[in-house]
N, C-alpha and C. Protein backbone atom coordinates (compact mmCIF):
# COMPACT_ATOMS: atom_id res chain seq x y z
N MET A 1 -11.14 -11.65 -9.08
CA MET A 1 -10.60 -10.36 -9.43
C MET A 1 -11.42 -9.23 -8.80
N LYS A 2 -12.73 -9.42 -8.70
CA LYS A 2 -13.59 -8.40 -8.13
C LYS A 2 -13.29 -8.20 -6.64
N ILE A 3 -12.93 -9.28 -5.95
CA ILE A 3 -12.61 -9.18 -4.53
C ILE A 3 -11.36 -8.34 -4.32
N ARG A 4 -10.37 -8.51 -5.18
CA ARG A 4 -9.13 -7.73 -5.07
C ARG A 4 -9.40 -6.24 -5.25
N LYS A 5 -10.22 -5.91 -6.22
CA LYS A 5 -10.55 -4.49 -6.43
C LYS A 5 -11.30 -3.93 -5.23
N THR A 6 -12.22 -4.71 -4.71
CA THR A 6 -12.98 -4.27 -3.55
C THR A 6 -12.06 -4.05 -2.35
N MET A 7 -11.14 -4.98 -2.13
CA MET A 7 -10.20 -4.84 -1.01
C MET A 7 -9.30 -3.63 -1.21
N ALA A 8 -8.84 -3.38 -2.43
CA ALA A 8 -7.99 -2.23 -2.71
C ALA A 8 -8.74 -0.93 -2.43
N VAL A 9 -9.97 -0.84 -2.88
CA VAL A 9 -10.77 0.36 -2.64
C VAL A 9 -11.01 0.55 -1.15
N LEU A 10 -11.30 -0.53 -0.44
CA LEU A 10 -11.52 -0.46 1.00
C LEU A 10 -10.26 0.01 1.74
N MET A 11 -9.10 -0.50 1.35
CA MET A 11 -7.84 -0.09 1.99
C MET A 11 -7.55 1.39 1.75
N VAL A 12 -7.78 1.86 0.52
CA VAL A 12 -7.56 3.27 0.21
C VAL A 12 -8.52 4.14 1.04
N ALA A 13 -9.77 3.72 1.16
CA ALA A 13 -10.74 4.48 1.95
C ALA A 13 -10.33 4.57 3.41
N VAL A 14 -9.85 3.47 3.97
CA VAL A 14 -9.42 3.47 5.37
C VAL A 14 -8.22 4.39 5.55
N MET A 15 -7.28 4.37 4.61
CA MET A 15 -6.11 5.26 4.71
C MET A 15 -6.52 6.72 4.64
N LEU A 16 -7.42 7.04 3.71
CA LEU A 16 -7.85 8.43 3.57
C LEU A 16 -8.61 8.90 4.81
N LEU A 17 -9.44 8.05 5.37
CA LEU A 17 -10.17 8.42 6.59
C LEU A 17 -9.21 8.61 7.76
N GLY A 18 -8.19 7.79 7.84
CA GLY A 18 -7.19 7.92 8.91
C GLY A 18 -6.41 9.22 8.80
N MET A 19 -6.07 9.62 7.57
CA MET A 19 -5.34 10.87 7.39
C MET A 19 -6.22 12.06 7.73
N GLY A 20 -7.50 11.98 7.42
CA GLY A 20 -8.41 13.06 7.73
C GLY A 20 -8.56 13.28 9.22
N GLN A 21 -8.55 12.22 9.99
CA GLN A 21 -8.65 12.34 11.44
C GLN A 21 -7.43 13.00 12.03
N ALA A 22 -6.25 12.75 11.47
CA ALA A 22 -5.03 13.37 11.99
C ALA A 22 -5.08 14.88 11.78
N VAL A 23 -5.58 15.32 10.64
CA VAL A 23 -5.66 16.75 10.37
C VAL A 23 -6.72 17.38 11.26
N GLN A 24 -7.83 16.70 11.48
CA GLN A 24 -8.90 17.23 12.31
C GLN A 24 -8.51 17.29 13.78
N ALA A 25 -7.51 16.51 14.18
CA ALA A 25 -7.11 16.50 15.58
C ALA A 25 -6.41 17.79 15.98
N GLY A 26 -6.10 18.67 15.01
CA GLY A 26 -5.51 19.94 15.32
C GLY A 26 -4.00 19.89 15.44
N THR A 27 -3.37 18.83 14.97
CA THR A 27 -1.92 18.76 15.03
C THR A 27 -1.32 19.65 13.96
N ALA A 28 -0.12 20.13 14.22
CA ALA A 28 0.56 20.96 13.25
C ALA A 28 1.01 20.14 12.05
N ARG A 29 1.21 18.85 12.26
CA ARG A 29 1.65 17.97 11.18
C ARG A 29 0.61 16.90 10.98
N GLY A 30 1.03 15.77 10.54
CA GLY A 30 0.09 14.69 10.23
C GLY A 30 -0.08 14.60 8.74
N GLY A 31 -1.25 14.27 8.28
CA GLY A 31 -1.53 14.21 6.86
C GLY A 31 -0.76 13.10 6.16
N VAL A 32 -0.43 13.34 4.91
CA VAL A 32 0.20 12.31 4.08
C VAL A 32 1.59 11.94 4.59
N VAL A 33 2.42 12.93 4.90
CA VAL A 33 3.77 12.62 5.37
C VAL A 33 3.73 11.93 6.73
N GLY A 34 2.84 12.35 7.59
CA GLY A 34 2.67 11.68 8.87
C GLY A 34 2.22 10.24 8.70
N PHE A 35 1.35 10.01 7.71
CA PHE A 35 0.90 8.65 7.41
C PHE A 35 2.08 7.80 6.96
N PHE A 36 2.87 8.29 6.00
CA PHE A 36 4.00 7.51 5.50
C PHE A 36 5.07 7.31 6.58
N ALA A 37 5.27 8.30 7.42
CA ALA A 37 6.24 8.14 8.51
C ALA A 37 5.83 7.01 9.43
N GLY A 38 4.56 6.96 9.80
CA GLY A 38 4.09 5.89 10.67
C GLY A 38 4.02 4.55 9.96
N CYS A 39 3.59 4.56 8.70
CA CYS A 39 3.41 3.32 7.95
C CYS A 39 4.76 2.69 7.58
N CYS A 40 5.68 3.48 7.10
CA CYS A 40 6.95 2.94 6.59
C CYS A 40 8.02 2.83 7.67
N PHE A 41 8.02 3.71 8.64
CA PHE A 41 9.11 3.75 9.61
C PHE A 41 8.70 3.35 11.01
N GLY A 42 7.41 3.19 11.26
CA GLY A 42 6.96 2.73 12.56
C GLY A 42 6.28 3.81 13.38
N ILE A 43 5.68 3.37 14.46
CA ILE A 43 4.87 4.25 15.29
C ILE A 43 5.72 5.33 15.97
N ARG A 44 6.93 5.00 16.36
CA ARG A 44 7.77 6.00 17.04
C ARG A 44 8.15 7.12 16.08
N CYS A 45 8.52 6.79 14.86
CA CYS A 45 8.89 7.81 13.88
C CYS A 45 7.67 8.66 13.51
N GLY A 46 6.51 8.02 13.33
CA GLY A 46 5.30 8.76 13.02
C GLY A 46 4.91 9.73 14.13
N GLY A 47 5.01 9.27 15.38
CA GLY A 47 4.70 10.14 16.51
C GLY A 47 5.69 11.28 16.66
N ASP A 48 6.97 10.97 16.47
CA ASP A 48 7.98 12.02 16.56
C ASP A 48 7.80 13.06 15.45
N TYR A 49 7.45 12.60 14.25
CA TYR A 49 7.22 13.54 13.16
C TYR A 49 6.06 14.48 13.51
N ASN A 50 4.98 13.93 14.06
CA ASN A 50 3.82 14.75 14.41
C ASN A 50 4.12 15.70 15.56
N GLU A 51 5.15 15.41 16.36
CA GLU A 51 5.55 16.31 17.45
C GLU A 51 6.55 17.37 16.99
N GLY A 52 6.92 17.37 15.72
CA GLY A 52 7.79 18.40 15.19
C GLY A 52 9.19 17.96 14.82
N LYS A 53 9.51 16.70 15.01
CA LYS A 53 10.83 16.20 14.64
C LYS A 53 10.85 15.87 13.15
N ASP A 54 12.02 15.99 12.54
CA ASP A 54 12.17 15.63 11.13
C ASP A 54 12.54 14.16 11.01
N ILE A 55 12.34 13.62 9.82
CA ILE A 55 12.70 12.23 9.57
C ILE A 55 14.15 12.21 9.11
N HIS A 56 14.96 11.42 9.79
CA HIS A 56 16.40 11.37 9.53
C HIS A 56 16.68 10.68 8.19
N TRP A 57 17.80 11.03 7.57
CA TRP A 57 18.13 10.46 6.26
C TRP A 57 18.31 8.94 6.32
N ARG A 58 18.73 8.41 7.47
CA ARG A 58 18.87 6.97 7.60
C ARG A 58 17.51 6.28 7.58
N GLU A 59 16.49 6.97 8.02
CA GLU A 59 15.14 6.41 7.97
C GLU A 59 14.58 6.48 6.55
N TRP A 60 14.81 7.60 5.86
CA TRP A 60 14.37 7.70 4.47
C TRP A 60 15.08 6.66 3.60
N GLY A 61 16.32 6.38 3.91
CA GLY A 61 17.09 5.41 3.14
C GLY A 61 16.52 4.01 3.19
N ARG A 62 15.71 3.72 4.20
CA ARG A 62 15.09 2.40 4.32
C ARG A 62 14.17 2.09 3.14
N LEU A 63 13.71 3.10 2.44
CA LEU A 63 12.79 2.89 1.32
C LEU A 63 13.51 2.42 0.06
N ILE A 64 14.82 2.57 0.00
CA ILE A 64 15.59 2.20 -1.18
C ILE A 64 16.02 0.73 -1.07
N PRO A 65 15.69 -0.08 -2.07
CA PRO A 65 16.09 -1.49 -2.01
C PRO A 65 17.61 -1.63 -1.84
N PHE A 66 18.02 -2.60 -1.10
CA PHE A 66 19.41 -2.93 -0.76
C PHE A 66 20.04 -1.90 0.18
N VAL A 67 19.86 -0.62 -0.10
CA VAL A 67 20.38 0.41 0.80
C VAL A 67 19.67 0.31 2.15
N GLY A 68 18.38 0.03 2.11
CA GLY A 68 17.62 -0.13 3.34
C GLY A 68 18.14 -1.26 4.20
N THR A 69 18.59 -2.34 3.57
CA THR A 69 19.15 -3.46 4.32
C THR A 69 20.46 -3.06 4.99
N VAL A 70 21.29 -2.33 4.27
CA VAL A 70 22.57 -1.87 4.83
C VAL A 70 22.30 -0.93 6.01
N LEU A 71 21.35 -0.02 5.86
CA LEU A 71 21.04 0.91 6.94
C LEU A 71 20.43 0.20 8.14
N ALA A 72 19.63 -0.84 7.88
CA ALA A 72 19.06 -1.61 8.99
C ALA A 72 20.16 -2.31 9.78
N ILE A 73 21.15 -2.84 9.08
CA ILE A 73 22.28 -3.48 9.77
C ILE A 73 23.07 -2.43 10.54
N TRP A 74 23.26 -1.26 9.95
CA TRP A 74 23.98 -0.17 10.61
C TRP A 74 23.23 0.22 11.89
N ASP A 75 21.91 0.35 11.81
CA ASP A 75 21.11 0.68 13.00
C ASP A 75 21.22 -0.41 14.06
N GLY A 76 21.24 -1.67 13.60
CA GLY A 76 21.41 -2.78 14.54
C GLY A 76 22.74 -2.74 15.25
N ILE A 77 23.79 -2.41 14.52
CA ILE A 77 25.13 -2.31 15.13
C ILE A 77 25.15 -1.18 16.15
N ASP A 78 24.55 -0.03 15.80
CA ASP A 78 24.46 1.07 16.77
C ASP A 78 23.70 0.65 18.02
N GLY A 79 22.62 -0.11 17.83
CA GLY A 79 21.85 -0.58 18.98
C GLY A 79 22.66 -1.54 19.84
N ALA A 80 23.44 -2.40 19.20
CA ALA A 80 24.26 -3.35 19.96
C ALA A 80 25.38 -2.65 20.71
N GLN A 81 25.82 -1.51 20.20
CA GLN A 81 26.88 -0.75 20.87
C GLN A 81 26.34 0.14 21.98
N GLY A 82 25.03 0.18 22.13
CA GLY A 82 24.44 0.95 23.22
C GLY A 82 24.23 2.42 22.92
N VAL A 83 24.16 2.79 21.64
CA VAL A 83 23.94 4.20 21.27
C VAL A 83 22.52 4.59 21.68
N THR A 84 22.39 5.72 22.35
CA THR A 84 21.10 6.19 22.86
C THR A 84 20.57 7.34 22.01
N THR A 85 19.34 7.72 22.26
CA THR A 85 18.73 8.85 21.57
C THR A 85 19.50 10.13 21.87
N ALA A 86 20.00 10.28 23.08
CA ALA A 86 20.79 11.46 23.43
C ALA A 86 22.08 11.52 22.61
N ASP A 87 22.68 10.36 22.35
CA ASP A 87 23.88 10.32 21.50
C ASP A 87 23.55 10.76 20.08
N TYR A 88 22.42 10.29 19.55
CA TYR A 88 22.00 10.70 18.21
C TYR A 88 21.70 12.19 18.16
N ALA A 89 21.06 12.71 19.20
CA ALA A 89 20.74 14.14 19.24
C ALA A 89 22.01 14.97 19.26
N GLU A 90 23.03 14.50 19.97
CA GLU A 90 24.30 15.22 20.01
C GLU A 90 25.01 15.16 18.65
N GLN A 91 24.94 14.02 17.99
CA GLN A 91 25.64 13.84 16.72
C GLN A 91 24.92 14.52 15.55
N TYR A 92 23.59 14.36 15.47
CA TYR A 92 22.84 14.85 14.31
C TYR A 92 22.02 16.10 14.59
N GLY A 93 21.82 16.43 15.84
CA GLY A 93 21.01 17.60 16.19
C GLY A 93 19.67 17.19 16.78
N SER A 94 19.12 18.05 17.60
CA SER A 94 17.88 17.72 18.30
C SER A 94 16.66 17.80 17.40
N ILE A 95 16.80 18.29 16.17
CA ILE A 95 15.66 18.34 15.27
C ILE A 95 15.22 16.95 14.86
N TYR A 96 16.14 15.98 14.92
CA TYR A 96 15.82 14.61 14.52
C TYR A 96 15.46 13.72 15.70
N PHE A 97 16.08 13.97 16.85
CA PHE A 97 15.90 13.06 18.00
C PHE A 97 15.56 13.83 19.25
């Protein structure tokens, strides 16, 4: 049990140190939301968020059980149909893509 607590404290410390470096780097964004964007949605979403893009509702929906699975399948179908980032920017606006 002591090892689990130690590992939990170590993981929290690493996350907090990582968030502090993002803020110190002088980016306009980063911090907690930038951490969750990168952690939950991947490196591309985290990087785009830090460059000023917003997180799309389909990405936020991935956090909801069962809904996330449906949205993942929807994203897969879009990928199979050849939908590009430019298509998403035209449909949803350039603030997201």
